[in-house]
Full PDB file with SEQRES, HELIX, SHEET, SSBOND, CRYST1, ORIGX, SCALE, CONECT and MASTER records, all heavy atoms in Angstrom:
SEQRES   1 A   32  GLY GLY ILE ARG ALA PRO LEU GLU LEU LYS GLU GLY GLY          
SEQRES   2 A   32  GLU LEU THR PHE ALA ASP VAL TYR ALA VAL TYR PRO PHE          
SEQRES   3 A   32  ASN ASN ARG LEU VAL THR                                      
HELIX    1 AA1 GLU A   11  GLY A   13  5                                   3    
HELIX    2 AA2 PHE A   17  VAL A   23  1                                   7    
CRYST1    1.000    1.000    1.000  90.00  90.00  90.00 P 1           1          
ORIGX1      1.000000  0.000000  0.000000        0.00000                         
ORIGX2      0.000000  1.000000  0.000000        0.00000                         
ORIGX3      0.000000  0.000000  1.000000        0.00000                         
SCALE1      1.000000  0.000000  0.000000        0.00000                         
SCALE2      0.000000  1.000000  0.000000        0.00000                         
SCALE3      0.000000  0.000000  1.000000        0.00000                         
ATOM      1  N   GLY A   1       6.143  10.521  -4.710  1.00  0.00           N  
ATOM      2  CA  GLY A   1       5.397  11.288  -3.713  1.00  0.00           C  
ATOM      3  C   GLY A   1       4.088  10.631  -3.322  1.00  0.00           C  
ATOM      4  O   GLY A   1       3.516  10.945  -2.275  1.00  0.00           O  
ATOM      5  N   GLY A   2       3.619   9.702  -4.155  1.00  0.00           N  
ATOM      6  CA  GLY A   2       2.371   9.010  -3.850  1.00  0.00           C  
ATOM      7  C   GLY A   2       2.549   7.765  -3.014  1.00  0.00           C  
ATOM      8  O   GLY A   2       1.578   7.105  -2.658  1.00  0.00           O  
ATOM      9  N   ILE A   3       3.799   7.435  -2.667  1.00  0.00           N  
ATOM     10  CA  ILE A   3       4.077   6.267  -1.819  1.00  0.00           C  
ATOM     11  C   ILE A   3       4.150   6.750  -0.380  1.00  0.00           C  
ATOM     12  O   ILE A   3       5.098   7.419   0.013  1.00  0.00           O  
ATOM     13  CB  ILE A   3       5.397   5.586  -2.233  1.00  0.00           C  
ATOM     14  CG1 ILE A   3       5.367   5.237  -3.718  1.00  0.00           C  
ATOM     15  CG2 ILE A   3       5.631   4.334  -1.403  1.00  0.00           C  
ATOM     16  CD1 ILE A   3       6.695   4.721  -4.254  1.00  0.00           C  
ATOM     17  N   ARG A   4       3.170   6.399   0.433  1.00  0.00           N  
ATOM     18  CA  ARG A   4       3.026   7.048   1.734  1.00  0.00           C  
ATOM     19  C   ARG A   4       3.482   6.228   2.931  1.00  0.00           C  
ATOM     20  O   ARG A   4       3.517   6.728   4.048  1.00  0.00           O  
ATOM     21  CB  ARG A   4       1.562   7.443   1.941  1.00  0.00           C  
ATOM     22  CG  ARG A   4       0.982   8.214   0.796  1.00  0.00           C  
ATOM     23  CD  ARG A   4       1.785   9.452   0.450  1.00  0.00           C  
ATOM     24  NE  ARG A   4       1.382  10.591   1.249  1.00  0.00           N  
ATOM     25  CZ  ARG A   4       1.720  11.847   0.979  1.00  0.00           C  
ATOM     26  NH1 ARG A   4       2.486  12.107  -0.074  1.00  0.00           N  
ATOM     27  NH2 ARG A   4       1.315  12.830   1.745  1.00  0.00           N  
ATOM     28  N   ALA A   5       3.832   4.961   2.736  1.00  0.00           N  
ATOM     29  CA  ALA A   5       4.279   4.127   3.852  1.00  0.00           C  
ATOM     30  C   ALA A   5       5.008   2.911   3.286  1.00  0.00           C  
ATOM     31  O   ALA A   5       4.776   2.529   2.143  1.00  0.00           O  
ATOM     32  CB  ALA A   5       3.085   3.678   4.703  1.00  0.00           C  
ATOM     33  N   PRO A   6       5.896   2.299   4.068  1.00  0.00           N  
ATOM     34  CA  PRO A   6       6.561   1.076   3.601  1.00  0.00           C  
ATOM     35  C   PRO A   6       5.655  -0.138   3.778  1.00  0.00           C  
ATOM     36  O   PRO A   6       4.655  -0.084   4.503  1.00  0.00           O  
ATOM     37  CB  PRO A   6       7.781   0.985   4.517  1.00  0.00           C  
ATOM     38  CG  PRO A   6       7.319   1.625   5.790  1.00  0.00           C  
ATOM     39  CD  PRO A   6       6.401   2.741   5.386  1.00  0.00           C  
ATOM     40  N   LEU A   7       6.005  -1.223   3.096  1.00  0.00           N  
ATOM     41  CA  LEU A   7       5.342  -2.506   3.338  1.00  0.00           C  
ATOM     42  C   LEU A   7       6.214  -3.283   4.309  1.00  0.00           C  
ATOM     43  O   LEU A   7       7.284  -3.785   3.942  1.00  0.00           O  
ATOM     44  CB  LEU A   7       5.181  -3.294   2.034  1.00  0.00           C  
ATOM     45  CG  LEU A   7       3.963  -3.005   1.171  1.00  0.00           C  
ATOM     46  CD1 LEU A   7       3.972  -3.894  -0.066  1.00  0.00           C  
ATOM     47  CD2 LEU A   7       2.665  -3.195   1.945  1.00  0.00           C  
ATOM     48  N   GLU A   8       5.796  -3.363   5.550  1.00  0.00           N  
ATOM     49  CA  GLU A   8       6.570  -4.054   6.572  1.00  0.00           C  
ATOM     50  C   GLU A   8       6.313  -5.560   6.500  1.00  0.00           C  
ATOM     51  O   GLU A   8       5.210  -5.996   6.167  1.00  0.00           O  
ATOM     52  CB  GLU A   8       6.187  -3.545   7.965  1.00  0.00           C  
ATOM     53  CG  GLU A   8       6.327  -2.033   8.138  1.00  0.00           C  
ATOM     54  CD  GLU A   8       7.764  -1.588   8.276  1.00  0.00           C  
ATOM     55  OE1 GLU A   8       8.666  -2.449   8.228  1.00  0.00           O  
ATOM     56  OE2 GLU A   8       8.000  -0.384   8.438  1.00  0.00           O  
ATOM     57  N   LEU A   9       7.332  -6.326   6.815  1.00  0.00           N  
ATOM     58  CA  LEU A   9       7.189  -7.784   6.855  1.00  0.00           C  
ATOM     59  C   LEU A   9       6.689  -8.195   8.227  1.00  0.00           C  
ATOM     60  O   LEU A   9       7.382  -8.053   9.232  1.00  0.00           O  
ATOM     61  CB  LEU A   9       8.535  -8.459   6.558  1.00  0.00           C  
ATOM     62  CG  LEU A   9       8.513  -9.995   6.570  1.00  0.00           C  
ATOM     63  CD1 LEU A   9       7.592 -10.525   5.482  1.00  0.00           C  
ATOM     64  CD2 LEU A   9       9.930 -10.540   6.389  1.00  0.00           C  
ATOM     65  N   LYS A  10       5.466  -8.680   8.255  1.00  0.00           N  
ATOM     66  CA  LYS A  10       4.872  -9.135   9.509  1.00  0.00           C  
ATOM     67  C   LYS A  10       4.917 -10.658   9.570  1.00  0.00           C  
ATOM     68  O   LYS A  10       5.289 -11.321   8.600  1.00  0.00           O  
ATOM     69  CB  LYS A  10       3.429  -8.627   9.603  1.00  0.00           C  
ATOM     70  CG  LYS A  10       3.320  -7.106   9.632  1.00  0.00           C  
ATOM     71  CD  LYS A  10       1.912  -6.625   9.839  1.00  0.00           C  
ATOM     72  CE  LYS A  10       1.023  -6.928   8.669  1.00  0.00           C  
ATOM     73  NZ  LYS A  10      -0.321  -6.314   8.784  1.00  0.00           N  
ATOM     74  N   GLU A  11       4.537 -11.202  10.714  1.00  0.00           N  
ATOM     75  CA  GLU A  11       4.568 -12.654  10.904  1.00  0.00           C  
ATOM     76  C   GLU A  11       3.723 -13.347   9.839  1.00  0.00           C  
ATOM     77  O   GLU A  11       2.555 -13.010   9.638  1.00  0.00           O  
ATOM     78  CB  GLU A  11       4.048 -13.013  12.297  1.00  0.00           C  
ATOM     79  CG  GLU A  11       4.201 -14.476  12.643  1.00  0.00           C  
ATOM     80  CD  GLU A  11       3.791 -14.781  14.074  1.00  0.00           C  
ATOM     81  OE1 GLU A  11       3.519 -13.835  14.841  1.00  0.00           O  
ATOM     82  OE2 GLU A  11       3.737 -15.974  14.409  1.00  0.00           O  
ATOM     83  N   GLY A  12       4.321 -14.308   9.147  1.00  0.00           N  
ATOM     84  CA  GLY A  12       3.622 -15.014   8.087  1.00  0.00           C  
ATOM     85  C   GLY A  12       3.634 -14.281   6.764  1.00  0.00           C  
ATOM     86  O   GLY A  12       3.165 -14.812   5.756  1.00  0.00           O  
ATOM     87  N   GLY A  13       4.147 -13.052   6.758  1.00  0.00           N  
ATOM     88  CA  GLY A  13       4.210 -12.277   5.519  1.00  0.00           C  
ATOM     89  C   GLY A  13       2.874 -11.780   5.015  1.00  0.00           C  
ATOM     90  O   GLY A  13       2.772 -11.322   3.867  1.00  0.00           O  
ATOM     91  N   GLU A  14       1.836 -11.854   5.850  1.00  0.00           N  
ATOM     92  CA  GLU A  14       0.505 -11.470   5.385  1.00  0.00           C  
ATOM     93  C   GLU A  14       0.374  -9.961   5.202  1.00  0.00           C  
ATOM     94  O   GLU A  14       0.897  -9.179   5.984  1.00  0.00           O  
ATOM     95  CB  GLU A  14      -0.553 -11.951   6.377  1.00  0.00           C  
ATOM     96  CG  GLU A  14      -0.712 -13.465   6.427  1.00  0.00           C  
ATOM     97  CD  GLU A  14      -1.846 -13.891   7.340  1.00  0.00           C  
ATOM     98  OE1 GLU A  14      -2.299 -13.051   8.152  1.00  0.00           O  
ATOM     99  OE2 GLU A  14      -2.276 -15.057   7.253  1.00  0.00           O  
ATOM    100  N   LEU A  15      -0.341  -9.585   4.135  1.00  0.00           N  
ATOM    101  CA  LEU A  15      -0.668  -8.194   3.875  1.00  0.00           C  
ATOM    102  C   LEU A  15      -2.177  -8.028   3.915  1.00  0.00           C  
ATOM    103  O   LEU A  15      -2.909  -8.790   3.289  1.00  0.00           O  
ATOM    104  CB  LEU A  15      -0.169  -7.754   2.491  1.00  0.00           C  
ATOM    105  CG  LEU A  15       1.333  -7.617   2.272  1.00  0.00           C  
ATOM    106  CD1 LEU A  15       1.596  -7.198   0.839  1.00  0.00           C  
ATOM    107  CD2 LEU A  15       1.935  -6.620   3.240  1.00  0.00           C  
ATOM    108  N   THR A  16      -2.634  -7.038   4.647  1.00  0.00           N  
ATOM    109  CA  THR A  16      -4.062  -6.749   4.668  1.00  0.00           C  
ATOM    110  C   THR A  16      -4.365  -5.606   3.711  1.00  0.00           C  
ATOM    111  O   THR A  16      -3.468  -4.893   3.250  1.00  0.00           O  
ATOM    112  CB  THR A  16      -4.523  -6.348   6.078  1.00  0.00           C  
ATOM    113  OG1 THR A  16      -3.890  -5.094   6.435  1.00  0.00           O  
ATOM    114  CG2 THR A  16      -4.162  -7.419   7.101  1.00  0.00           C  
ATOM    115  N   PHE A  17      -5.645  -5.439   3.432  1.00  0.00           N  
ATOM    116  CA  PHE A  17      -6.065  -4.313   2.602  1.00  0.00           C  
ATOM    117  C   PHE A  17      -5.596  -3.004   3.232  1.00  0.00           C  
ATOM    118  O   PHE A  17      -5.160  -2.087   2.538  1.00  0.00           O  
ATOM    119  CB  PHE A  17      -7.590  -4.313   2.467  1.00  0.00           C  
ATOM    120  CG  PHE A  17      -8.131  -3.183   1.622  1.00  0.00           C  
ATOM    121  CD1 PHE A  17      -8.338  -3.354   0.265  1.00  0.00           C  
ATOM    122  CD2 PHE A  17      -8.418  -1.952   2.190  1.00  0.00           C  
ATOM    123  CE1 PHE A  17      -8.826  -2.311  -0.510  1.00  0.00           C  
ATOM    124  CE2 PHE A  17      -8.899  -0.906   1.424  1.00  0.00           C  
ATOM    125  CZ  PHE A  17      -9.113  -1.087   0.072  1.00  0.00           C  
ATOM    126  N   ALA A  18      -5.654  -2.934   4.565  1.00  0.00           N  
ATOM    127  CA  ALA A  18      -5.231  -1.715   5.268  1.00  0.00           C  
ATOM    128  C   ALA A  18      -3.745  -1.442   5.055  1.00  0.00           C  
ATOM    129  O   ALA A  18      -3.329  -0.287   4.921  1.00  0.00           O  
ATOM    130  CB  ALA A  18      -5.540  -1.843   6.760  1.00  0.00           C  
ATOM    131  N   ASP A  19      -2.928  -2.497   5.029  1.00  0.00           N  
ATOM    132  CA  ASP A  19      -1.492  -2.327   4.777  1.00  0.00           C  
ATOM    133  C   ASP A  19      -1.251  -1.707   3.401  1.00  0.00           C  
ATOM    134  O   ASP A  19      -0.447  -0.785   3.239  1.00  0.00           O  
ATOM    135  CB  ASP A  19      -0.765  -3.672   4.862  1.00  0.00           C  
ATOM    136  CG  ASP A  19      -0.784  -4.274   6.251  1.00  0.00           C  
ATOM    137  OD1 ASP A  19      -0.771  -3.501   7.230  1.00  0.00           O  
ATOM    138  OD2 ASP A  19      -0.825  -5.518   6.346  1.00  0.00           O  
ATOM    139  N   VAL A  20      -1.952  -2.246   2.415  1.00  0.00           N  
ATOM    140  CA  VAL A  20      -1.787  -1.757   1.046  1.00  0.00           C  
ATOM    141  C   VAL A  20      -2.310  -0.336   0.918  1.00  0.00           C  
ATOM    142  O   VAL A  20      -1.700   0.521   0.277  1.00  0.00           O  
ATOM    143  CB  VAL A  20      -2.504  -2.693   0.050  1.00  0.00           C  
ATOM    144  CG1 VAL A  20      -2.430  -2.140  -1.368  1.00  0.00           C  
ATOM    145  CG2 VAL A  20      -1.903  -4.088   0.107  1.00  0.00           C  
ATOM    146  N   TYR A  21      -3.431  -0.065   1.570  1.00  0.00           N  
ATOM    147  CA  TYR A  21      -4.031   1.271   1.488  1.00  0.00           C  
ATOM    148  C   TYR A  21      -3.141   2.315   2.149  1.00  0.00           C  
ATOM    149  O   TYR A  21      -3.072   3.464   1.697  1.00  0.00           O  
ATOM    150  CB  TYR A  21      -5.419   1.263   2.135  1.00  0.00           C  
ATOM    151  CG  TYR A  21      -6.190   2.540   1.894  1.00  0.00           C  
ATOM    152  CD1 TYR A  21      -6.873   2.739   0.692  1.00  0.00           C  
ATOM    153  CD2 TYR A  21      -6.230   3.542   2.852  1.00  0.00           C  
ATOM    154  CE1 TYR A  21      -7.569   3.912   0.461  1.00  0.00           C  
ATOM    155  CE2 TYR A  21      -6.925   4.722   2.625  1.00  0.00           C  
ATOM    156  CZ  TYR A  21      -7.599   4.904   1.425  1.00  0.00           C  
ATOM    157  OH  TYR A  21      -8.284   6.072   1.190  1.00  0.00           O  
ATOM    158  N   ALA A  22      -2.438   1.929   3.213  1.00  0.00           N  
ATOM    159  CA  ALA A  22      -1.524   2.867   3.875  1.00  0.00           C  
ATOM    160  C   ALA A  22      -0.390   3.264   2.932  1.00  0.00           C  
ATOM    161  O   ALA A  22       0.085   4.401   2.961  1.00  0.00           O  
ATOM    162  CB  ALA A  22      -0.957   2.236   5.140  1.00  0.00           C  
ATOM    163  N   VAL A  23       0.030   2.318   2.091  1.00  0.00           N  
ATOM    164  CA  VAL A  23       1.084   2.598   1.112  1.00  0.00           C  
ATOM    165  C   VAL A  23       0.546   3.477  -0.015  1.00  0.00           C  
ATOM    166  O   VAL A  23       1.225   4.405  -0.476  1.00  0.00           O  
ATOM    167  CB  VAL A  23       1.628   1.276   0.523  1.00  0.00           C  
ATOM    168  CG1 VAL A  23       2.568   1.554  -0.657  1.00  0.00           C  
ATOM    169  CG2 VAL A  23       2.356   0.482   1.591  1.00  0.00           C  
ATOM    170  N   TYR A  24      -0.669   3.234  -0.431  1.00  0.00           N  
ATOM    171  CA  TYR A  24      -1.209   3.792  -1.672  1.00  0.00           C  
ATOM    172  C   TYR A  24      -2.631   4.303  -1.414  1.00  0.00           C  
ATOM    173  O   TYR A  24      -3.601   3.696  -1.860  1.00  0.00           O  
ATOM    174  CB  TYR A  24      -1.205   2.667  -2.707  1.00  0.00           C  
ATOM    175  CG  TYR A  24      -1.225   3.088  -4.151  1.00  0.00           C  
ATOM    176  CD1 TYR A  24      -0.099   3.624  -4.753  1.00  0.00           C  
ATOM    177  CD2 TYR A  24      -2.359   2.909  -4.935  1.00  0.00           C  
ATOM    178  CE1 TYR A  24      -0.101   3.980  -6.087  1.00  0.00           C  
ATOM    179  CE2 TYR A  24      -2.380   3.263  -6.270  1.00  0.00           C  
ATOM    180  CZ  TYR A  24      -1.251   3.804  -6.844  1.00  0.00           C  
ATOM    181  OH  TYR A  24      -1.256   4.163  -8.166  1.00  0.00           O  
ATOM    182  N   PRO A  25      -2.782   5.414  -0.687  1.00  0.00           N  
ATOM    183  CA  PRO A  25      -4.115   5.821  -0.221  1.00  0.00           C  
ATOM    184  C   PRO A  25      -4.902   6.704  -1.171  1.00  0.00           C  
ATOM    185  O   PRO A  25      -5.971   7.176  -0.813  1.00  0.00           O  
ATOM    186  CB  PRO A  25      -3.779   6.584   1.059  1.00  0.00           C  
ATOM    187  CG  PRO A  25      -2.458   7.217   0.761  1.00  0.00           C  
ATOM    188  CD  PRO A  25      -1.718   6.228  -0.088  1.00  0.00           C  
ATOM    189  N   PHE A  26      -4.388   6.934  -2.369  1.00  0.00           N  
ATOM    190  CA  PHE A  26      -5.055   7.881  -3.260  1.00  0.00           C  
ATOM    191  C   PHE A  26      -5.908   7.172  -4.312  1.00  0.00           C  
ATOM    192  O   PHE A  26      -5.589   6.075  -4.747  1.00  0.00           O  
ATOM    193  CB  PHE A  26      -4.025   8.764  -3.963  1.00  0.00           C  
ATOM    194  CG  PHE A  26      -3.143   9.506  -3.001  1.00  0.00           C  
ATOM    195  CD1 PHE A  26      -1.812   9.150  -2.841  1.00  0.00           C  
ATOM    196  CD2 PHE A  26      -3.646  10.541  -2.239  1.00  0.00           C  
ATOM    197  CE1 PHE A  26      -0.999   9.817  -1.945  1.00  0.00           C  
ATOM    198  CE2 PHE A  26      -2.845  11.220  -1.341  1.00  0.00           C  
ATOM    199  CZ  PHE A  26      -1.522  10.864  -1.195  1.00  0.00           C  
ATOM    200  N   ASN A  27      -6.949   7.847  -4.736  1.00  0.00           N  
ATOM    201  CA  ASN A  27      -7.838   7.302  -5.758  1.00  0.00           C  
ATOM    202  C   ASN A  27      -7.278   7.646  -7.145  1.00  0.00           C  
ATOM    203  O   ASN A  27      -7.912   8.307  -7.961  1.00  0.00           O  
ATOM    204  CB  ASN A  27      -9.244   7.872  -5.587  1.00  0.00           C  
ATOM    205  CG  ASN A  27     -10.249   7.206  -6.501  1.00  0.00           C  
ATOM    206  OD1 ASN A  27     -10.076   6.059  -6.884  1.00  0.00           O  
ATOM    207  ND2 ASN A  27     -11.288   7.921  -6.864  1.00  0.00           N  
ATOM    208  N   ASN A  28      -6.035   7.219  -7.382  1.00  0.00           N  
ATOM    209  CA  ASN A  28      -5.374   7.521  -8.647  1.00  0.00           C  
ATOM    210  C   ASN A  28      -5.942   6.678  -9.786  1.00  0.00           C  
ATOM    211  O   ASN A  28      -6.404   5.562  -9.574  1.00  0.00           O  
ATOM    212  CB  ASN A  28      -3.873   7.242  -8.542  1.00  0.00           C  
ATOM    213  CG  ASN A  28      -3.175   8.228  -7.621  1.00  0.00           C  
ATOM    214  OD1 ASN A  28      -3.673   9.323  -7.401  1.00  0.00           O  
ATOM    215  ND2 ASN A  28      -2.036   7.839  -7.099  1.00  0.00           N  
ATOM    216  N   ARG A  29      -5.854   7.209 -10.982  1.00  0.00           N  
ATOM    217  CA  ARG A  29      -6.255   6.469 -12.179  1.00  0.00           C  
ATOM    218  C   ARG A  29      -4.997   6.152 -12.990  1.00  0.00           C  
ATOM    219  O   ARG A  29      -4.114   6.994 -13.128  1.00  0.00           O  
ATOM    220  CB  ARG A  29      -7.220   7.290 -13.032  1.00  0.00           C  
ATOM    221  CG  ARG A  29      -8.557   7.545 -12.343  1.00  0.00           C  
ATOM    222  CD  ARG A  29      -9.523   8.263 -13.265  1.00  0.00           C  
ATOM    223  NE  ARG A  29     -10.809   8.479 -12.607  1.00  0.00           N  
ATOM    224  CZ  ARG A  29     -11.866   9.020 -13.215  1.00  0.00           C  
ATOM    225  NH1 ARG A  29     -11.772   9.395 -14.475  1.00  0.00           N  
ATOM    226  NH2 ARG A  29     -12.994   9.191 -12.566  1.00  0.00           N  
ATOM    227  N   LEU A  30      -4.949   4.947 -13.518  1.00  0.00           N  
ATOM    228  CA  LEU A  30      -3.839   4.567 -14.381  1.00  0.00           C  
ATOM    229  C   LEU A  30      -4.144   5.033 -15.803  1.00  0.00           C  
ATOM    230  O   LEU A  30      -5.237   4.797 -16.310  1.00  0.00           O  
ATOM    231  CB  LEU A  30      -3.630   3.054 -14.349  1.00  0.00           C  
ATOM    232  CG  LEU A  30      -3.297   2.462 -12.971  1.00  0.00           C  
ATOM    233  CD1 LEU A  30      -3.068   0.957 -13.090  1.00  0.00           C  
ATOM    234  CD2 LEU A  30      -2.079   3.135 -12.371  1.00  0.00           C  
ATOM    235  N   VAL A  31      -3.169   5.707 -16.392  1.00  0.00           N  
ATOM    236  CA  VAL A  31      -3.357   6.267 -17.726  1.00  0.00           C  
ATOM    237  C   VAL A  31      -2.303   5.693 -18.651  1.00  0.00           C  
ATOM    238  O   VAL A  31      -1.122   5.636 -18.314  1.00  0.00           O  
ATOM    239  CB  VAL A  31      -3.225   7.806 -17.696  1.00  0.00           C  
ATOM    240  CG1 VAL A  31      -3.350   8.379 -19.104  1.00  0.00           C  
ATOM    241  CG2 VAL A  31      -4.267   8.408 -16.770  1.00  0.00           C  
ATOM    242  N   THR A  32      -2.728   5.240 -19.829  1.00  0.00           N  
ATOM    243  CA  THR A  32      -1.771   4.774 -20.839  1.00  0.00           C  
ATOM    244  C   THR A  32      -1.717   5.791 -21.962  1.00  0.00           C  
ATOM    245  O   THR A  32      -2.730   6.388 -22.329  1.00  0.00           O  
ATOM    246  CB  THR A  32      -2.164   3.400 -21.409  1.00  0.00           C  
ATOM    247  OG1 THR A  32      -3.482   3.490 -21.953  1.00  0.00           O  
ATOM    248  CG2 THR A  32      -2.137   2.340 -20.326  1.00  0.00           C  
TER     249      THR A  32                                                      
MASTER        0    0    0    2    0    0    0    6  248    1    0    3          
END                                                                             
């Protein structure tokens, strides 16, 4: 439910911070 968008393959395969943030926009904490 926390995955909010796909990672699309753009020209050159580049990913921007905005691309990653669109996928994962929450201020989640990793817990072990």
